[in-house]
Amino acid sequence: MNDNLLSGGIPRKFGSLTNLNEMAMQYNMLSGSIPEDFGYLSSLSYMDLSDNELSGPLPESLANLTSLTSFAVSGNYLSEKFPKSYGQLTSLKYM
């Protein structure tokens, strides 16, 4: 779903896609915050939300994504640094 000029907020229902392995939604115009419900995406290994218009803090719940190996959120308006709890993402190789 990358580079499709998608706009608006990310639907919280995406958090119920527990078998989702990859999420590539970069280069859109997504706004609002990253849903806390993304912490339920237990099979997710790749998440790229870069180059959108996302804002607010990074959700603490993303620390639950222990299968995550690649995480990209640059090019947004996120208000805080990475939470300390992200230190438990031991599979993470690319950020």
C-alpha atoms as a PDB file:
ATOM      1  CA  MET A   1       0.000   0.000   0.000  1.00  0.00           C
ATOM      2  CA  ASN A   2       3.013   2.247  -0.331  1.00  0.00           C
ATOM      3  CA  ASP A   3       3.069   5.318  -2.572  1.00  0.00           C
ATOM      4  CA  ASN A   4      -0.682   5.388  -3.223  1.00  0.00           C
ATOM      5  CA  LEU A   5      -1.593   8.866  -1.922  1.00  0.00           C
ATOM      6  CA  LEU A   6      -3.611   7.296   0.910  1.00  0.00           C
ATOM      7  CA  SER A   7      -4.766   9.934   3.382  1.00  0.00           C
ATOM      8  CA  GLY A   8      -6.465  10.132   6.750  1.00  0.00           C
ATOM      9  CA  GLY A   9      -5.845   8.128   9.882  1.00  0.00           C
ATOM     10  CA  ILE A  10      -4.687   4.532  10.028  1.00  0.00           C
ATOM     11  CA  PRO A  11      -7.707   2.374  10.919  1.00  0.00           C
ATOM     12  CA  ARG A  12      -7.414   0.741  14.358  1.00  0.00           C
ATOM     13  CA  LYS A  13      -8.856  -2.430  12.826  1.00  0.00           C
ATOM     14  CA  PHE A  14      -5.466  -3.096  11.256  1.00  0.00           C
ATOM     15  CA  GLY A  15      -4.446  -4.147  14.771  1.00  0.00           C
ATOM     16  CA  SER A  16      -6.656  -7.222  14.439  1.00  0.00           C
ATOM     17  CA  LEU A  17      -4.622  -8.581  11.499  1.00  0.00           C
ATOM     18  CA  THR A  18      -2.563 -10.772  13.815  1.00  0.00           C
ATOM     19  CA  ASN A  19      -1.193 -12.953  10.980  1.00  0.00           C
ATOM     20  CA  LEU A  20       0.145  -9.964   9.039  1.00  0.00           C
ATOM     21  CA  ASN A  21       3.890 -10.337   8.373  1.00  0.00           C
ATOM     22  CA  GLU A  22       4.721  -7.101   6.538  1.00  0.00           C
ATOM     23  CA  MET A  23       3.238  -3.610   6.590  1.00  0.00           C
ATOM     24  CA  ALA A  24       4.494  -1.229   3.905  1.00  0.00           C
ATOM     25  CA  MET A  25       2.541   2.041   3.978  1.00  0.00           C
ATOM     26  CA  GLN A  26       5.338   4.512   3.282  1.00  0.00           C
ATOM     27  CA  TYR A  27       5.083   7.509   0.919  1.00  0.00           C
ATOM     28  CA  ASN A  28       1.422   8.293   1.534  1.00  0.00           C
ATOM     29  CA  MET A  29      -0.325  11.114   3.354  1.00  0.00           C
ATOM     30  CA  LEU A  30      -1.443   9.185   6.421  1.00  0.00           C
ATOM     31  CA  SER A  31      -2.091  11.425   9.415  1.00  0.00           C
ATOM     32  CA  GLY A  32      -2.863  11.111  13.094  1.00  0.00           C
ATOM     33  CA  SER A  33      -1.117   8.737  15.432  1.00  0.00           C
ATOM     34  CA  ILE A  34       0.076   5.169  15.085  1.00  0.00           C
ATOM     35  CA  PRO A  35      -2.680   3.069  16.687  1.00  0.00           C
ATOM     36  CA  GLU A  36      -1.897   1.394  20.025  1.00  0.00           C
ATOM     37  CA  ASP A  37      -3.639  -1.672  18.572  1.00  0.00           C
ATOM     38  CA  PHE A  38      -0.589  -2.278  16.365  1.00  0.00           C
ATOM     39  CA  GLY A  39       0.926  -3.865  19.466  1.00  0.00           C
ATOM     40  CA  TYR A  40      -1.270  -6.912  18.725  1.00  0.00           C
ATOM     41  CA  LEU A  41       0.416  -7.592  15.365  1.00  0.00           C
ATOM     42  CA  SER A  42       2.456 -10.406  16.872  1.00  0.00           C
ATOM     43  CA  SER A  43       3.564 -11.909  13.523  1.00  0.00           C
ATOM     44  CA  LEU A  44       4.783  -8.603  12.083  1.00  0.00           C
ATOM     45  CA  SER A  45       8.438  -8.634  11.038  1.00  0.00           C
ATOM     46  CA  TYR A  46       8.534  -5.527   8.794  1.00  0.00           C
ATOM     47  CA  MET A  47       6.824  -2.164   9.362  1.00  0.00           C
ATOM     48  CA  ASP A  48       7.483   0.889   7.198  1.00  0.00           C
ATOM     49  CA  LEU A  49       5.344   3.947   7.901  1.00  0.00           C
ATOM     50  CA  SER A  50       7.954   6.463   6.764  1.00  0.00           C
ATOM     51  CA  ASP A  51       7.267   9.643   4.799  1.00  0.00           C
ATOM     52  CA  ASN A  52       3.681  10.256   5.868  1.00  0.00           C
ATOM     53  CA  GLU A  53       2.175  12.932   8.108  1.00  0.00           C
ATOM     54  CA  LEU A  54       1.917  10.852  11.272  1.00  0.00           C
ATOM     55  CA  SER A  55       2.193  12.703  14.576  1.00  0.00           C
ATOM     56  CA  GLY A  56       2.109  12.134  18.303  1.00  0.00           C
ATOM     57  CA  PRO A  57       4.125   9.729  20.419  1.00  0.00           C
ATOM     58  CA  LEU A  58       5.217   6.267  19.341  1.00  0.00           C
ATOM     59  CA  PRO A  59       2.958   3.718  21.044  1.00  0.00           C
ATOM     60  CA  GLU A  60       4.492   1.786  23.951  1.00  0.00           C
ATOM     61  CA  SER A  61       2.536  -1.234  22.717  1.00  0.00           C
ATOM     62  CA  LEU A  62       4.917  -1.669  19.772  1.00  0.00           C
ATOM     63  CA  ALA A  63       7.407  -3.085  22.283  1.00  0.00           C
ATOM     64  CA  ASN A  64       5.256  -6.250  22.121  1.00  0.00           C
ATOM     65  CA  LEU A  65       6.280  -6.889  18.499  1.00  0.00           C
ATOM     66  CA  THR A  66       9.048  -9.336  19.310  1.00  0.00           C
ATOM     67  CA  SER A  67       9.199 -10.646  15.700  1.00  0.00           C
ATOM     68  CA  LEU A  68       9.871  -7.172  14.292  1.00  0.00           C
ATOM     69  CA  THR A  69      13.177  -7.032  12.398  1.00  0.00           C
ATOM     70  CA  SER A  70      12.713  -3.770  10.457  1.00  0.00           C
ATOM     71  CA  PHE A  71      10.940  -0.615  11.681  1.00  0.00           C
ATOM     72  CA  ALA A  72      10.893   2.696   9.764  1.00  0.00           C
ATOM     73  CA  VAL A  73       9.014   5.867  10.755  1.00  0.00           C
ATOM     74  CA  SER A  74      11.275   8.662   9.488  1.00  0.00           C
ATOM     75  CA  GLY A  75       9.769  11.591   7.606  1.00  0.00           C
ATOM     76  CA  ASN A  76       6.813  12.037   9.983  1.00  0.00           C
ATOM     77  CA  TYR A  77       6.016  14.476  12.787  1.00  0.00           C
ATOM     78  CA  LEU A  78       6.339  12.105  15.723  1.00  0.00           C
ATOM     79  CA  SER A  79       6.712  13.969  19.000  1.00  0.00           C
ATOM     80  CA  GLU A  80       8.911  11.718  21.096  1.00  0.00           C
ATOM     81  CA  LYS A  81      12.014   9.626  20.891  1.00  0.00           C
ATOM     82  CA  PHE A  82      11.785   5.853  20.891  1.00  0.00           C
ATOM     83  CA  PRO A  83      10.399   4.581  24.201  1.00  0.00           C
ATOM     84  CA  LYS A  84      12.877   2.722  26.411  1.00  0.00           C
ATOM     85  CA  SER A  85      10.615  -0.335  26.235  1.00  0.00           C
ATOM     86  CA  TYR A  86      11.643  -0.744  22.578  1.00  0.00           C
ATOM     87  CA  GLY A  87      14.925  -2.051  23.962  1.00  0.00           C
ATOM     88  CA  GLN A  88      13.236  -5.440  24.356  1.00  0.00           C
ATOM     89  CA  LEU A  89      12.849  -5.709  20.568  1.00  0.00           C
ATOM     90  CA  THR A  90      15.826  -8.032  20.340  1.00  0.00           C
ATOM     91  CA  SER A  91      15.006  -9.217  16.785  1.00  0.00           C
ATOM     92  CA  LEU A  92      15.118  -5.650  15.453  1.00  0.00           C
ATOM     93  CA  LYS A  93      17.954  -5.203  12.946  1.00  0.00           C
ATOM     94  CA  TYR A  94      16.946  -2.084  10.974  1.00  0.00           C
ATOM     95  CA  MET A  95      15.456   1.076  12.373  1.00  0.00           C
END
